[in-house]
């Protein structure tokens, strides 16, 4: 019975984590708006998710692996778009042009 409760808590945590991460990733993918995103934050969140994937594999904890695989991918996508947008703005600024909106 204890294992069942532990698994339910694990899956509930997984659902909350995924539902917390996906809206930001979906919004960023759709709008390409990354102005309000801090690079260190998403870098560290993504790195933390990678470590949780490793821990989940080591513990054979499927909810931990699934959740953090999804959040790692989401973080990587958002981070990639953020870096792309920041480089584009820097390039536009260096060329003396008006920076283009990331939206």
PDB file of N, CA and C in Angstrom:
ATOM      1  N   UNK A   1       0.822  -1.199   0.000  1.00  0.00           N
ATOM      2  CA  UNK A   1       0.000   0.000   0.000  1.00  0.00           C
ATOM      3  C   UNK A   1       0.869   1.266   0.000  1.00  0.00           C
ATOM      4  N   UNK A   2       1.967   1.228   0.745  1.00  0.00           N
ATOM      5  CA  UNK A   2       2.859   2.379   0.821  1.00  0.00           C
ATOM      6  C   UNK A   2       3.449   2.710  -0.543  1.00  0.00           C
ATOM      7  N   UNK A   3       3.829   1.695  -1.318  1.00  0.00           N
ATOM      8  CA  UNK A   3       4.386   1.898  -2.653  1.00  0.00           C
ATOM      9  C   UNK A   3       3.366   2.556  -3.574  1.00  0.00           C
ATOM     10  N   UNK A   4       2.110   2.174  -3.450  1.00  0.00           N
ATOM     11  CA  UNK A   4       1.052   2.759  -4.276  1.00  0.00           C
ATOM     12  C   UNK A   4       0.925   4.253  -3.972  1.00  0.00           C
ATOM     13  N   UNK A   5       0.928   4.607  -2.701  1.00  0.00           N
ATOM     14  CA  UNK A   5       0.821   6.017  -2.311  1.00  0.00           C
ATOM     15  C   UNK A   5       2.036   6.802  -2.816  1.00  0.00           C
ATOM     16  N   UNK A   6       3.217   6.229  -2.688  1.00  0.00           N
ATOM     17  CA  UNK A   6       4.431   6.887  -3.177  1.00  0.00           C
ATOM     18  C   UNK A   6       4.344   7.112  -4.682  1.00  0.00           C
ATOM     19  N   UNK A   7       3.867   6.128  -5.419  1.00  0.00           N
ATOM     20  CA  UNK A   7       3.722   6.283  -6.872  1.00  0.00           C
ATOM     21  C   UNK A   7       2.679   7.336  -7.229  1.00  0.00           C
ATOM     22  N   UNK A   8       1.581   7.377  -6.498  1.00  0.00           N
ATOM     23  CA  UNK A   8       0.548   8.388  -6.758  1.00  0.00           C
ATOM     24  C   UNK A   8       1.123   9.784  -6.542  1.00  0.00           C
ATOM     25  N   UNK A   9       1.875   9.966  -5.454  1.00  0.00           N
ATOM     26  CA  UNK A   9       2.500  11.257  -5.185  1.00  0.00           C
ATOM     27  C   UNK A   9       3.496  11.601  -6.295  1.00  0.00           C
ATOM     28  N   UNK A  10       4.270  10.617  -6.743  1.00  0.00           N
ATOM     29  CA  UNK A  10       5.232  10.839  -7.823  1.00  0.00           C
ATOM     30  C   UNK A  10       4.563  11.255  -9.117  1.00  0.00           C
ATOM     31  N   UNK A  11       3.482  10.575  -9.485  1.00  0.00           N
ATOM     32  CA  UNK A  11       2.773  10.922 -10.712  1.00  0.00           C
ATOM     33  C   UNK A  11       2.071  12.285 -10.584  1.00  0.00           C
ATOM     34  N   UNK A  12       1.563  12.614  -9.391  1.00  0.00           N
ATOM     35  CA  UNK A  12       0.945  13.922  -9.185  1.00  0.00           C
ATOM     36  C   UNK A  12       1.997  15.022  -9.332  1.00  0.00           C
ATOM     37  N   UNK A  13       3.179  14.798  -8.772  1.00  0.00           N
ATOM     38  CA  UNK A  13       4.267  15.770  -8.925  1.00  0.00           C
ATOM     39  C   UNK A  13       4.661  15.908 -10.388  1.00  0.00           C
ATOM     40  N   UNK A  14       4.715  14.798 -11.097  1.00  0.00           N
ATOM     41  CA  UNK A  14       5.060  14.821 -12.516  1.00  0.00           C
ATOM     42  C   UNK A  14       4.049  15.639 -13.301  1.00  0.00           C
ATOM     43  N   UNK A  15       2.783  15.432 -13.035  1.00  0.00           N
ATOM     44  CA  UNK A  15       1.729  16.160 -13.732  1.00  0.00           C
ATOM     45  C   UNK A  15       1.833  17.664 -13.458  1.00  0.00           C
ATOM     46  N   UNK A  16       2.067  18.025 -12.196  1.00  0.00           N
ATOM     47  CA  UNK A  16       2.215  19.448 -11.846  1.00  0.00           C
ATOM     48  C   UNK A  16       3.419  20.074 -12.537  1.00  0.00           C
ATOM     49  N   UNK A  17       4.539  19.374 -12.554  1.00  0.00           N
ATOM     50  CA  UNK A  17       5.756  19.905 -13.175  1.00  0.00           C
ATOM     51  C   UNK A  17       5.564  20.117 -14.683  1.00  0.00           C
ATOM     52  N   UNK A  18       5.004  19.129 -15.342  1.00  0.00           N
ATOM     53  CA  UNK A  18       4.805  19.234 -16.791  1.00  0.00           C
ATOM     54  C   UNK A  18       3.811  20.355 -17.100  1.00  0.00           C
ATOM     55  N   UNK A  19       2.722  20.416 -16.337  1.00  0.00           N
ATOM     56  CA  UNK A  19       1.724  21.467 -16.563  1.00  0.00           C
ATOM     57  C   UNK A  19       2.280  22.855 -16.230  1.00  0.00           C
ATOM     58  N   UNK A  20       3.290  22.921 -15.398  1.00  0.00           N
ATOM     59  CA  UNK A  20       3.928  24.192 -15.097  1.00  0.00           C
ATOM     60  C   UNK A  20       4.915  24.634 -16.163  1.00  0.00           C
ATOM     61  N   UNK A  21       5.589  23.693 -16.775  1.00  0.00           N
ATOM     62  CA  UNK A  21       6.616  24.006 -17.777  1.00  0.00           C
ATOM     63  C   UNK A  21       6.044  24.210 -19.179  1.00  0.00           C
ATOM     64  N   UNK A  22       5.128  23.365 -19.573  1.00  0.00           N
ATOM     65  CA  UNK A  22       4.658  23.391 -20.957  1.00  0.00           C
ATOM     66  C   UNK A  22       4.036  24.715 -21.405  1.00  0.00           C
ATOM     67  N   UNK A  23       3.242  25.398 -20.584  1.00  0.00           N
ATOM     68  CA  UNK A  23       2.682  26.669 -21.072  1.00  0.00           C
ATOM     69  C   UNK A  23       3.754  27.682 -21.491  1.00  0.00           C
ATOM     70  N   UNK A  24       4.840  27.781 -20.724  1.00  0.00           N
ATOM     71  CA  UNK A  24       5.916  28.704 -21.097  1.00  0.00           C
ATOM     72  C   UNK A  24       6.577  28.266 -22.394  1.00  0.00           C
ATOM     73  N   UNK A  25       6.839  26.988 -22.519  1.00  0.00           N
ATOM     74  CA  UNK A  25       7.469  26.486 -23.739  1.00  0.00           C
ATOM     75  C   UNK A  25       6.562  26.695 -24.950  1.00  0.00           C
ATOM     76  N   UNK A  26       5.297  26.387 -24.817  1.00  0.00           N
ATOM     77  CA  UNK A  26       4.350  26.551 -25.930  1.00  0.00           C
ATOM     78  C   UNK A  26       4.233  28.032 -26.309  1.00  0.00           C
ATOM     79  N   UNK A  27       4.120  28.902 -25.303  1.00  0.00           N
ATOM     80  CA  UNK A  27       4.039  30.342 -25.572  1.00  0.00           C
ATOM     81  C   UNK A  27       5.285  30.834 -26.311  1.00  0.00           C
ATOM     82  N   UNK A  28       6.441  30.394 -25.857  1.00  0.00           N
ATOM     83  CA  UNK A  28       7.693  30.834 -26.479  1.00  0.00           C
ATOM     84  C   UNK A  28       7.812  30.314 -27.904  1.00  0.00           C
ATOM     85  N   UNK A  29       7.431  29.078 -28.133  1.00  0.00           N
ATOM     86  CA  UNK A  29       7.498  28.506 -29.479  1.00  0.00           C
ATOM     87  C   UNK A  29       6.546  29.242 -30.417  1.00  0.00           C
ATOM     88  N   UNK A  30       5.338  29.530 -29.954  1.00  0.00           N
ATOM     89  CA  UNK A  30       4.343  30.195 -30.803  1.00  0.00           C
ATOM     90  C   UNK A  30       4.689  31.648 -31.095  1.00  0.00           C
ATOM     91  N   UNK A  31       5.100  32.391 -30.069  1.00  0.00           N
ATOM     92  CA  UNK A  31       5.291  33.832 -30.234  1.00  0.00           C
ATOM     93  C   UNK A  31       6.738  34.233 -30.491  1.00  0.00           C
ATOM     94  N   UNK A  32       7.664  33.361 -30.140  1.00  0.00           N
ATOM     95  CA  UNK A  32       9.101  33.655 -30.204  1.00  0.00           C
ATOM     96  C   UNK A  32       9.485  34.813 -29.278  1.00  0.00           C
ATOM     97  N   UNK A  33       8.593  35.148 -28.351  1.00  0.00           N
ATOM     98  CA  UNK A  33       8.839  36.232 -27.396  1.00  0.00           C
ATOM     99  C   UNK A  33       9.632  35.686 -26.220  1.00  0.00           C
ATOM    100  N   UNK A  34      10.854  36.163 -26.077  1.00  0.00           N
ATOM    101  CA  UNK A  34      11.717  35.702 -24.995  1.00  0.00           C
ATOM    102  C   UNK A  34      12.246  36.868 -24.166  1.00  0.00           C
ATOM    103  N   UNK A  35      11.661  38.040 -24.327  1.00  0.00           N
ATOM    104  CA  UNK A  35      12.164  39.228 -23.630  1.00  0.00           C
ATOM    105  C   UNK A  35      12.144  39.072 -22.108  1.00  0.00           C
ATOM    106  N   UNK A  36      11.152  38.393 -21.566  1.00  0.00           N
ATOM    107  CA  UNK A  36      11.033  38.273 -20.117  1.00  0.00           C
ATOM    108  C   UNK A  36      11.714  37.047 -19.528  1.00  0.00           C
ATOM    109  N   UNK A  37      12.496  36.355 -20.326  1.00  0.00           N
ATOM    110  CA  UNK A  37      13.124  35.116 -19.865  1.00  0.00           C
ATOM    111  C   UNK A  37      14.581  35.365 -19.510  1.00  0.00           C
ATOM    112  N   UNK A  38      14.960  34.959 -18.308  1.00  0.00           N
ATOM    113  CA  UNK A  38      16.343  35.098 -17.862  1.00  0.00           C
ATOM    114  C   UNK A  38      17.124  33.839 -18.261  1.00  0.00           C
ATOM    115  N   UNK A  39      18.206  34.022 -19.000  1.00  0.00           N
ATOM    116  CA  UNK A  39      19.018  32.896 -19.466  1.00  0.00           C
ATOM    117  C   UNK A  39      19.521  32.029 -18.317  1.00  0.00           C
ATOM    118  N   UNK A  40      20.087  32.607 -17.261  1.00  0.00           N
ATOM    119  CA  UNK A  40      20.580  31.736 -16.177  1.00  0.00           C
ATOM    120  C   UNK A  40      19.479  30.880 -15.556  1.00  0.00           C
ATOM    121  N   UNK A  41      18.283  31.437 -15.446  1.00  0.00           N
ATOM    122  CA  UNK A  41      17.176  30.684 -14.862  1.00  0.00           C
ATOM    123  C   UNK A  41      16.862  29.447 -15.680  1.00  0.00           C
ATOM    124  N   UNK A  42      16.661  29.609 -16.980  1.00  0.00           N
ATOM    125  CA  UNK A  42      16.304  28.454 -17.795  1.00  0.00           C
ATOM    126  C   UNK A  42      17.471  27.494 -17.959  1.00  0.00           C
ATOM    127  N   UNK A  43      18.682  28.010 -17.954  1.00  0.00           N
ATOM    128  CA  UNK A  43      19.857  27.148 -18.026  1.00  0.00           C
ATOM    129  C   UNK A  43      19.941  26.264 -16.783  1.00  0.00           C
ATOM    130  N   UNK A  44      19.771  26.857 -15.617  1.00  0.00           N
ATOM    131  CA  UNK A  44      19.847  26.089 -14.373  1.00  0.00           C
ATOM    132  C   UNK A  44      18.658  25.148 -14.204  1.00  0.00           C
ATOM    133  N   UNK A  45      17.459  25.580 -14.596  1.00  0.00           N
ATOM    134  CA  UNK A  45      16.304  24.687 -14.527  1.00  0.00           C
ATOM    135  C   UNK A  45      16.487  23.491 -15.451  1.00  0.00           C
ATOM    136  N   UNK A  46      16.992  23.738 -16.630  1.00  0.00           N
ATOM    137  CA  UNK A  46      17.246  22.641 -17.573  1.00  0.00           C
ATOM    138  C   UNK A  46      18.316  21.697 -17.056  1.00  0.00           C
ATOM    139  N   UNK A  47      19.364  22.239 -16.494  1.00  0.00           N
ATOM    140  CA  UNK A  47      20.432  21.407 -15.935  1.00  0.00           C
ATOM    141  C   UNK A  47      19.922  20.594 -14.747  1.00  0.00           C
ATOM    142  N   UNK A  48      19.107  21.216 -13.901  1.00  0.00           N
ATOM    143  CA  UNK A  48      18.498  20.488 -12.788  1.00  0.00           C
ATOM    144  C   UNK A  48      17.639  19.339 -13.276  1.00  0.00           C
ATOM    145  N   UNK A  49      16.886  19.569 -14.343  1.00  0.00           N
ATOM    146  CA  UNK A  49      16.062  18.502 -14.916  1.00  0.00           C
ATOM    147  C   UNK A  49      16.912  17.351 -15.441  1.00  0.00           C
ATOM    148  N   UNK A  50      18.047  17.678 -16.054  1.00  0.00           N
ATOM    149  CA  UNK A  50      18.945  16.619 -16.543  1.00  0.00           C
ATOM    150  C   UNK A  50      19.419  15.754 -15.376  1.00  0.00           C
ATOM    151  N   UNK A  51      19.799  16.400 -14.278  1.00  0.00           N
ATOM    152  CA  UNK A  51      20.249  15.634 -13.113  1.00  0.00           C
ATOM    153  C   UNK A  51      19.124  14.780 -12.528  1.00  0.00           C
ATOM    154  N   UNK A  52      17.888  15.300 -12.544  1.00  0.00           N
ATOM    155  CA  UNK A  52      16.768  14.499 -12.062  1.00  0.00           C
ATOM    156  C   UNK A  52      16.488  13.304 -12.981  1.00  0.00           C
ATOM    157  N   UNK A  53      16.698  13.468 -14.281  1.00  0.00           N
ATOM    158  CA  UNK A  53      16.561  12.328 -15.197  1.00  0.00           C
ATOM    159  C   UNK A  53      17.573  11.248 -14.820  1.00  0.00           C
ATOM    160  N   UNK A  54      18.804  11.675 -14.585  1.00  0.00           N
ATOM    161  CA  UNK A  54      19.858  10.721 -14.207  1.00  0.00           C
ATOM    162  C   UNK A  54      19.492  10.031 -12.890  1.00  0.00           C
ATOM    163  N   UNK A  55      19.033  10.807 -11.917  1.00  0.00           N
ATOM    164  CA  UNK A  55      18.644  10.225 -10.638  1.00  0.00           C
ATOM    165  C   UNK A  55      17.472   9.258 -10.811  1.00  0.00           C
ATOM    166  N   UNK A  56      16.502   9.647 -11.625  1.00  0.00           N
ATOM    167  CA  UNK A  56      15.354   8.777 -11.870  1.00  0.00           C
ATOM    168  C   UNK A  56      15.756   7.458 -12.492  1.00  0.00           C
ATOM    169  N   UNK A  57      16.716   7.497 -13.415  1.00  0.00           N
ATOM    170  CA  UNK A  57      17.215   6.264 -14.029  1.00  0.00           C
ATOM    171  C   UNK A  57      17.912   5.408 -12.980  1.00  0.00           C
ATOM    172  N   UNK A  58      18.738   6.054 -12.162  1.00  0.00           N
ATOM    173  CA  UNK A  58      19.467   5.317 -11.131  1.00  0.00           C
ATOM    174  C   UNK A  58      18.528   4.677 -10.099  1.00  0.00           C
ATOM    175  N   UNK A  59      17.408   5.351  -9.810  1.00  0.00           N
ATOM    176  CA  UNK A  59      16.443   4.844  -8.830  1.00  0.00           C
ATOM    177  C   UNK A  59      15.338   4.008  -9.471  1.00  0.00           C
ATOM    178  N   UNK A  60      15.359   3.917 -10.798  1.00  0.00           N
ATOM    179  CA  UNK A  60      14.292   3.252 -11.547  1.00  0.00           C
ATOM    180  C   UNK A  60      12.934   3.882 -11.208  1.00  0.00           C
ATOM    181  N   UNK A  61      12.917   5.215 -11.174  1.00  0.00           N
ATOM    182  CA  UNK A  61      11.730   5.990 -10.839  1.00  0.00           C
ATOM    183  C   UNK A  61      11.165   6.581 -12.132  1.00  0.00           C
ATOM    184  N   UNK A  62      10.198   5.911 -12.702  1.00  0.00           N
ATOM    185  CA  UNK A  62       9.641   6.294 -14.004  1.00  0.00           C
ATOM    186  C   UNK A  62       9.014   7.692 -13.986  1.00  0.00           C
ATOM    187  N   UNK A  63       8.206   8.070 -12.970  1.00  0.00           N
ATOM    188  CA  UNK A  63       7.651   9.433 -12.991  1.00  0.00           C
ATOM    189  C   UNK A  63       8.735  10.503 -13.025  1.00  0.00           C
ATOM    190  N   UNK A  64       9.802  10.297 -12.295  1.00  0.00           N
ATOM    191  CA  UNK A  64      10.901  11.257 -12.262  1.00  0.00           C
ATOM    192  C   UNK A  64      11.575  11.367 -13.631  1.00  0.00           C
ATOM    193  N   UNK A  65      11.782  10.241 -14.281  1.00  0.00           N
ATOM    194  CA  UNK A  65      12.418  10.230 -15.605  1.00  0.00           C
ATOM    195  C   UNK A  65      11.528  10.921 -16.636  1.00  0.00           C
ATOM    196  N   UNK A  66      10.258  10.552 -16.670  1.00  0.00           N
ATOM    197  CA  UNK A  66       9.339  11.110 -17.671  1.00  0.00           C
ATOM    198  C   UNK A  66       9.187  12.618 -17.492  1.00  0.00           C
ATOM    199  N   UNK A  67       8.907  13.027 -16.268  1.00  0.00           N
ATOM    200  CA  UNK A  67       8.709  14.450 -15.987  1.00  0.00           C
ATOM    201  C   UNK A  67       9.908  15.275 -16.384  1.00  0.00           C
ATOM    202  N   UNK A  68      11.058  14.844 -15.964  1.00  0.00           N
ATOM    203  CA  UNK A  68      12.237  15.657 -16.189  1.00  0.00           C
ATOM    204  C   UNK A  68      12.775  15.541 -17.604  1.00  0.00           C
ATOM    205  N   UNK A  69      12.442  14.497 -18.309  1.00  0.00           N
ATOM    206  CA  UNK A  69      12.760  14.445 -19.735  1.00  0.00           C
ATOM    207  C   UNK A  69      11.951  15.513 -20.470  1.00  0.00           C
ATOM    208  N   UNK A  70      10.672  15.613 -20.131  1.00  0.00           N
ATOM    209  CA  UNK A  70       9.817  16.620 -20.762  1.00  0.00           C
ATOM    210  C   UNK A  70      10.284  18.030 -20.401  1.00  0.00           C
ATOM    211  N   UNK A  71      10.596  18.255 -19.124  1.00  0.00           N
ATOM    212  CA  UNK A  71      11.035  19.598 -18.739  1.00  0.00           C
ATOM    213  C   UNK A  71      12.414  19.938 -19.294  1.00  0.00           C
ATOM    214  N   UNK A  72      13.275  18.944 -19.446  1.00  0.00           N
ATOM    215  CA  UNK A  72      14.586  19.184 -20.060  1.00  0.00           C
ATOM    216  C   UNK A  72      14.427  19.619 -21.509  1.00  0.00           C
ATOM    217  N   UNK A  73      13.583  18.903 -22.242  1.00  0.00           N
ATOM    218  CA  UNK A  73      13.349  19.249 -23.652  1.00  0.00           C
ATOM    219  C   UNK A  73      12.710  20.636 -23.752  1.00  0.00           C
ATOM    220  N   UNK A  74      11.730  20.911 -22.894  1.00  0.00           N
ATOM    221  CA  UNK A  74      11.081  22.226 -22.900  1.00  0.00           C
ATOM    222  C   UNK A  74      12.088  23.341 -22.609  1.00  0.00           C
ATOM    223  N   UNK A  75      12.914  23.127 -21.609  1.00  0.00           N
ATOM    224  CA  UNK A  75      13.927  24.127 -21.260  1.00  0.00           C
ATOM    225  C   UNK A  75      14.919  24.334 -22.398  1.00  0.00           C
ATOM    226  N   UNK A  76      15.322  23.248 -23.041  1.00  0.00           N
ATOM    227  CA  UNK A  76      16.281  23.350 -24.151  1.00  0.00           C
ATOM    228  C   UNK A  76      15.685  24.142 -25.309  1.00  0.00           C
ATOM    229  N   UNK A  77      14.416  23.911 -25.613  1.00  0.00           N
ATOM    230  CA  UNK A  77      13.760  24.639 -26.700  1.00  0.00           C
ATOM    231  C   UNK A  77      13.681  26.134 -26.374  1.00  0.00           C
ATOM    232  N   UNK A  78      13.203  26.452 -25.172  1.00  0.00           N
ATOM    233  CA  UNK A  78      13.081  27.853 -24.766  1.00  0.00           C
ATOM    234  C   UNK A  78      14.461  28.515 -24.736  1.00  0.00           C
ATOM    235  N   UNK A  79      15.443  27.820 -24.188  1.00  0.00           N
ATOM    236  CA  UNK A  79      16.808  28.351 -24.123  1.00  0.00           C
ATOM    237  C   UNK A  79      17.355  28.615 -25.525  1.00  0.00           C
ATOM    238  N   UNK A  80      17.125  27.688 -26.451  1.00  0.00           N
ATOM    239  CA  UNK A  80      17.593  27.865 -27.829  1.00  0.00           C
ATOM    240  C   UNK A  80      16.962  29.063 -28.504  1.00  0.00           C
ATOM    241  N   UNK A  81      15.667  29.226 -28.326  1.00  0.00           N
ATOM    242  CA  UNK A  81      14.980  30.379 -28.915  1.00  0.00           C
ATOM    243  C   UNK A  81      15.488  31.673 -28.284  1.00  0.00           C
ATOM    244  N   UNK A  82      15.684  31.665 -26.981  1.00  0.00           N
ATOM    245  CA  UNK A  82      16.196  32.849 -26.273  1.00  0.00           C
ATOM    246  C   UNK A  82      17.572  33.243 -26.797  1.00  0.00           C
ATOM    247  N   UNK A  83      18.469  32.291 -26.934  1.00  0.00           N
ATOM    248  CA  UNK A  83      19.818  32.589 -27.428  1.00  0.00           C
ATOM    249  C   UNK A  83      19.746  33.135 -28.859  1.00  0.00           C
ATOM    250  N   UNK A  84      18.926  32.513 -29.699  1.00  0.00           N
ATOM    251  CA  UNK A  84      18.750  32.974 -31.083  1.00  0.00           C
ATOM    252  C   UNK A  84      18.262  34.428 -31.110  1.00  0.00           C
ATOM    253  N   UNK A  85      17.235  34.723 -30.309  1.00  0.00           N
ATOM    254  CA  UNK A  85      16.689  36.085 -30.277  1.00  0.00           C
ATOM    255  C   UNK A  85      17.710  37.096 -29.766  1.00  0.00           C
ATOM    256  N   UNK A  86      18.435  36.729 -28.717  1.00  0.00           N
ATOM    257  CA  UNK A  86      19.425  37.654 -28.161  1.00  0.00           C
ATOM    258  C   UNK A  86      20.543  37.941 -29.161  1.00  0.00           C
ATOM    259  N   UNK A  87      20.990  36.927 -29.882  1.00  0.00           N
ATOM    260  CA  UNK A  87      22.034  37.142 -30.901  1.00  0.00           C
ATOM    261  C   UNK A  87      21.524  38.030 -32.029  1.00  0.00           C
ATOM    262  N   UNK A  88      20.280  37.811 -32.429  1.00  0.00           N
ATOM    263  CA  UNK A  88      19.689  38.610 -33.498  1.00  0.00           C
ATOM    264  C   UNK A  88      19.573  40.079 -33.078  1.00  0.00           C
ATOM    265  N   UNK A  89      19.147  40.319 -31.844  1.00  0.00           N
ATOM    266  CA  UNK A  89      19.054  41.694 -31.356  1.00  0.00           C
ATOM    267  C   UNK A  89      20.429  42.350 -31.291  1.00  0.00           C
ATOM    268  N   UNK A  90      21.425  41.608 -30.826  1.00  0.00           N
ATOM    269  CA  UNK A  90      22.790  42.143 -30.736  1.00  0.00           C
ATOM    270  C   UNK A  90      23.322  42.472 -32.128  1.00  0.00           C
ATOM    271  N   UNK A  91      23.075  41.593 -33.092  1.00  0.00           N
ATOM    272  CA  UNK A  91      23.530  41.805 -34.464  1.00  0.00           C
ATOM    273  C   UNK A  91      22.850  43.035 -35.059  1.00  0.00           C
ATOM    274  N   UNK A  92      21.540  43.154 -34.835  1.00  0.00           N
ATOM    275  CA  UNK A  92      20.811  44.324 -35.344  1.00  0.00           C
ATOM    276  C   UNK A  92      21.340  45.615 -34.731  1.00  0.00           C
ATOM    277  N   UNK A  93      21.632  45.578 -33.439  1.00  0.00           N
ATOM    278  CA  UNK A  93      22.153  46.760 -32.760  1.00  0.00           C
ATOM    279  C   UNK A  93      23.536  47.146 -33.276  1.00  0.00           C
ATOM    280  N   UNK A  94      24.380  46.153 -33.526  1.00  0.00           N
ATOM    281  CA  UNK A  94      25.739  46.411 -34.054  1.00  0.00           C
ATOM    282  C   UNK A  94      25.698  46.979 -35.454  1.00  0.00           C
ATOM    283  N   UNK A  95      24.683  46.608 -36.220  1.00  0.00           N
ATOM    284  CA  UNK A  95      24.571  47.080 -37.599  1.00  0.00           C
ATOM    285  C   UNK A  95      23.888  48.449 -37.645  1.00  0.00           C
ATOM    286  N   UNK A  96      23.499  48.966 -36.494  1.00  0.00           N
ATOM    287  CA  UNK A  96      22.914  50.298 -36.448  1.00  0.00           C
ATOM    288  C   UNK A  96      21.449  50.330 -36.796  1.00  0.00           C
ATOM    289  N   UNK A  97      20.862  49.205 -36.999  1.00  0.00           N
ATOM    290  CA  UNK A  97      19.447  49.142 -37.334  1.00  0.00           C
ATOM    291  C   UNK A  97      18.600  49.096 -36.088  1.00  0.00           C
ATOM    292  N   UNK A  98      17.323  49.196 -36.323  1.00  0.00           N
ATOM    293  CA  UNK A  98      16.384  49.078 -35.221  1.00  0.00           C
ATOM    294  C   UNK A  98      16.225  47.600 -34.898  1.00  0.00           C
ATOM    295  N   UNK A  99      16.385  47.248 -33.634  1.00  0.00           N
ATOM    296  CA  UNK A  99      16.210  45.838 -33.280  1.00  0.00           C
ATOM    297  C   UNK A  99      14.818  45.359 -33.634  1.00  0.00           C
ATOM    298  N   UNK A 100      14.755  44.187 -34.206  1.00  0.00           N
ATOM    299  CA  UNK A 100      13.462  43.622 -34.560  1.00  0.00           C
ATOM    300  C   UNK A 100      12.841  42.990 -33.340  1.00  0.00           C
ATOM    301  N   UNK A 101      11.535  43.037 -33.300  1.00  0.00           N
ATOM    302  CA  UNK A 101      10.820  42.433 -32.185  1.00  0.00           C
ATOM    303  C   UNK A 101      10.934  40.923 -32.274  1.00  0.00           C
ATOM    304  N   UNK A 102      10.954  40.279 -31.116  1.00  0.00           N
ATOM    305  CA  UNK A 102      11.024  38.820 -31.099  1.00  0.00           C
ATOM    306  C   UNK A 102       9.637  38.218 -31.119  1.00  0.00           C
ATOM    307  N   UNK A 103       8.631  39.039 -31.359  1.00  0.00           N
ATOM    308  CA  UNK A 103       7.251  38.528 -31.372  1.00  0.00           C
ATOM    309  C   UNK A 103       6.796  38.244 -32.753  1.00  0.00           C
TER     310      UNK A 103
END
